[in-house]
Amino acid sequence: MTKRTEEKVIHQSDLDKLLHLDEVMEQSNKNPFIKELKQAILDPSQLKLFQWHSLRSQIHEIEALVPHIDLIIKLKKENKED
């Protein structure tokens, strides 16, 4: 007796919808996070300690997503070469 396992495949478009990447990209163009971060670093007094903690927490969330983004980029590049 063999059990059949069913593989579930998520398509990139479904993933994009789940992550709302279009909205994120649009917001980043309107409110450049990196530029604001650089300004805050150049003038650390702009943020209070709790704001620095909040900022670091947000950066941790971004760092957790980076490997997934890198994998998507790698797979898309490999797919283009085929």
C-alpha atoms as a PDB file:
ATOM      1  CA  MET A   1       0.000   0.000   0.000  1.00  0.00           C
ATOM      2  CA  THR A   2       1.537   3.335  -1.061  1.00  0.00           C
ATOM      3  CA  LYS A   3       0.480   6.732   0.051  1.00  0.00           C
ATOM      4  CA  ARG A   4       0.351   9.448  -2.548  1.00  0.00           C
ATOM      5  CA  THR A   5       1.560  12.771  -1.343  1.00  0.00           C
ATOM      6  CA  GLU A   6       0.097  15.782  -2.933  1.00  0.00           C
ATOM      7  CA  GLU A   7       2.503  18.603  -3.679  1.00  0.00           C
ATOM      8  CA  LYS A   8       1.137  22.082  -3.421  1.00  0.00           C
ATOM      9  CA  VAL A   9       2.787  24.635  -5.666  1.00  0.00           C
ATOM     10  CA  ILE A  10       2.481  28.330  -5.090  1.00  0.00           C
ATOM     11  CA  HIS A  11       2.896  30.485  -8.151  1.00  0.00           C
ATOM     12  CA  GLN A  12       4.842  33.730  -8.099  1.00  0.00           C
ATOM     13  CA  SER A  13       1.703  35.751  -8.794  1.00  0.00           C
ATOM     14  CA  ASP A  14       0.035  34.194  -5.753  1.00  0.00           C
ATOM     15  CA  LEU A  15       3.074  34.946  -3.645  1.00  0.00           C
ATOM     16  CA  ASP A  16       3.119  38.539  -4.880  1.00  0.00           C
ATOM     17  CA  LYS A  17      -0.524  38.916  -3.913  1.00  0.00           C
ATOM     18  CA  LEU A  18       0.129  37.507  -0.470  1.00  0.00           C
ATOM     19  CA  LEU A  19       3.069  39.770   0.159  1.00  0.00           C
ATOM     20  CA  HIS A  20       1.527  42.816  -1.531  1.00  0.00           C
ATOM     21  CA  LEU A  21       4.853  43.534  -3.197  1.00  0.00           C
ATOM     22  CA  ASP A  22       3.389  46.057  -5.574  1.00  0.00           C
ATOM     23  CA  GLU A  23       2.145  48.147  -2.658  1.00  0.00           C
ATOM     24  CA  VAL A  24       5.464  47.858  -0.844  1.00  0.00           C
ATOM     25  CA  MET A  25       7.407  48.935  -3.923  1.00  0.00           C
ATOM     26  CA  GLU A  26       5.044  51.826  -4.537  1.00  0.00           C
ATOM     27  CA  GLN A  27       5.360  53.000  -0.928  1.00  0.00           C
ATOM     28  CA  SER A  28       9.140  52.697  -1.017  1.00  0.00           C
ATOM     29  CA  ASN A  29       9.234  54.990  -4.040  1.00  0.00           C
ATOM     30  CA  LYS A  30       7.122  57.577  -2.229  1.00  0.00           C
ATOM     31  CA  ASN A  31       8.918  57.266   1.101  1.00  0.00           C
ATOM     32  CA  PRO A  32      12.502  56.090   0.553  1.00  0.00           C
ATOM     33  CA  PHE A  33      13.389  54.076   3.632  1.00  0.00           C
ATOM     34  CA  ILE A  34      17.129  54.002   2.958  1.00  0.00           C
ATOM     35  CA  LYS A  35      17.339  57.774   2.549  1.00  0.00           C
ATOM     36  CA  GLU A  36      15.506  58.318   5.829  1.00  0.00           C
ATOM     37  CA  LEU A  37      17.688  55.752   7.568  1.00  0.00           C
ATOM     38  CA  LYS A  38      20.865  57.458   6.345  1.00  0.00           C
ATOM     39  CA  GLN A  39      19.583  60.826   7.556  1.00  0.00           C
ATOM     40  CA  ALA A  40      18.766  59.356  10.957  1.00  0.00           C
ATOM     41  CA  ILE A  41      22.247  57.844  11.213  1.00  0.00           C
ATOM     42  CA  LEU A  42      23.875  61.141  10.253  1.00  0.00           C
ATOM     43  CA  ASP A  43      21.862  62.874  12.972  1.00  0.00           C
ATOM     44  CA  PRO A  44      21.174  60.250  15.665  1.00  0.00           C
ATOM     45  CA  SER A  45      19.383  62.767  17.844  1.00  0.00           C
ATOM     46  CA  GLN A  46      16.480  62.690  15.368  1.00  0.00           C
ATOM     47  CA  LEU A  47      15.233  59.456  16.926  1.00  0.00           C
ATOM     48  CA  LYS A  48      14.610  58.565  20.538  1.00  0.00           C
ATOM     49  CA  LEU A  49      15.875  55.274  21.962  1.00  0.00           C
ATOM     50  CA  PHE A  50      12.515  53.506  21.621  1.00  0.00           C
ATOM     51  CA  GLN A  51      12.374  54.621  17.979  1.00  0.00           C
ATOM     52  CA  TRP A  52      15.836  53.138  17.358  1.00  0.00           C
ATOM     53  CA  HIS A  53      14.601  49.869  18.895  1.00  0.00           C
ATOM     54  CA  SER A  54      11.523  49.948  16.673  1.00  0.00           C
ATOM     55  CA  LEU A  55      13.658  50.651  13.616  1.00  0.00           C
ATOM     56  CA  ARG A  56      15.972  47.749  14.445  1.00  0.00           C
ATOM     57  CA  SER A  57      12.988  45.457  14.864  1.00  0.00           C
ATOM     58  CA  GLN A  58      11.741  46.413  11.396  1.00  0.00           C
ATOM     59  CA  ILE A  59      15.188  45.807   9.933  1.00  0.00           C
ATOM     60  CA  HIS A  60      15.230  42.340  11.537  1.00  0.00           C
ATOM     61  CA  GLU A  61      11.975  41.571   9.733  1.00  0.00           C
ATOM     62  CA  ILE A  62      13.506  42.676   6.427  1.00  0.00           C
ATOM     63  CA  GLU A  63      16.636  40.603   7.097  1.00  0.00           C
ATOM     64  CA  ALA A  64      14.456  37.526   7.590  1.00  0.00           C
ATOM     65  CA  LEU A  65      12.952  38.050   4.131  1.00  0.00           C
ATOM     66  CA  VAL A  66      16.249  38.565   2.299  1.00  0.00           C
ATOM     67  CA  PRO A  67      17.058  34.844   1.814  1.00  0.00           C
ATOM     68  CA  HIS A  68      13.614  34.307   0.303  1.00  0.00           C
ATOM     69  CA  ILE A  69      14.046  37.267  -2.011  1.00  0.00           C
ATOM     70  CA  ASP A  70      17.504  36.015  -3.014  1.00  0.00           C
ATOM     71  CA  LEU A  71      16.040  32.603  -3.822  1.00  0.00           C
ATOM     72  CA  ILE A  72      13.311  34.148  -5.969  1.00  0.00           C
ATOM     73  CA  ILE A  73      15.916  36.199  -7.864  1.00  0.00           C
ATOM     74  CA  LYS A  74      18.104  33.127  -8.383  1.00  0.00           C
ATOM     75  CA  LEU A  75      15.196  31.006  -9.624  1.00  0.00           C
ATOM     76  CA  LYS A  76      13.965  33.740 -11.961  1.00  0.00           C
ATOM     77  CA  LYS A  77      17.469  34.146 -13.421  1.00  0.00           C
ATOM     78  CA  GLU A  78      17.808  30.401 -13.943  1.00  0.00           C
ATOM     79  CA  ASN A  79      14.401  30.280 -15.566  1.00  0.00           C
ATOM     80  CA  LYS A  80      15.360  33.034 -18.028  1.00  0.00           C
ATOM     81  CA  GLU A  81      18.488  31.134 -19.069  1.00  0.00           C
ATOM     82  CA  ASP A  82      16.492  28.025 -20.038  1.00  0.00           C
END
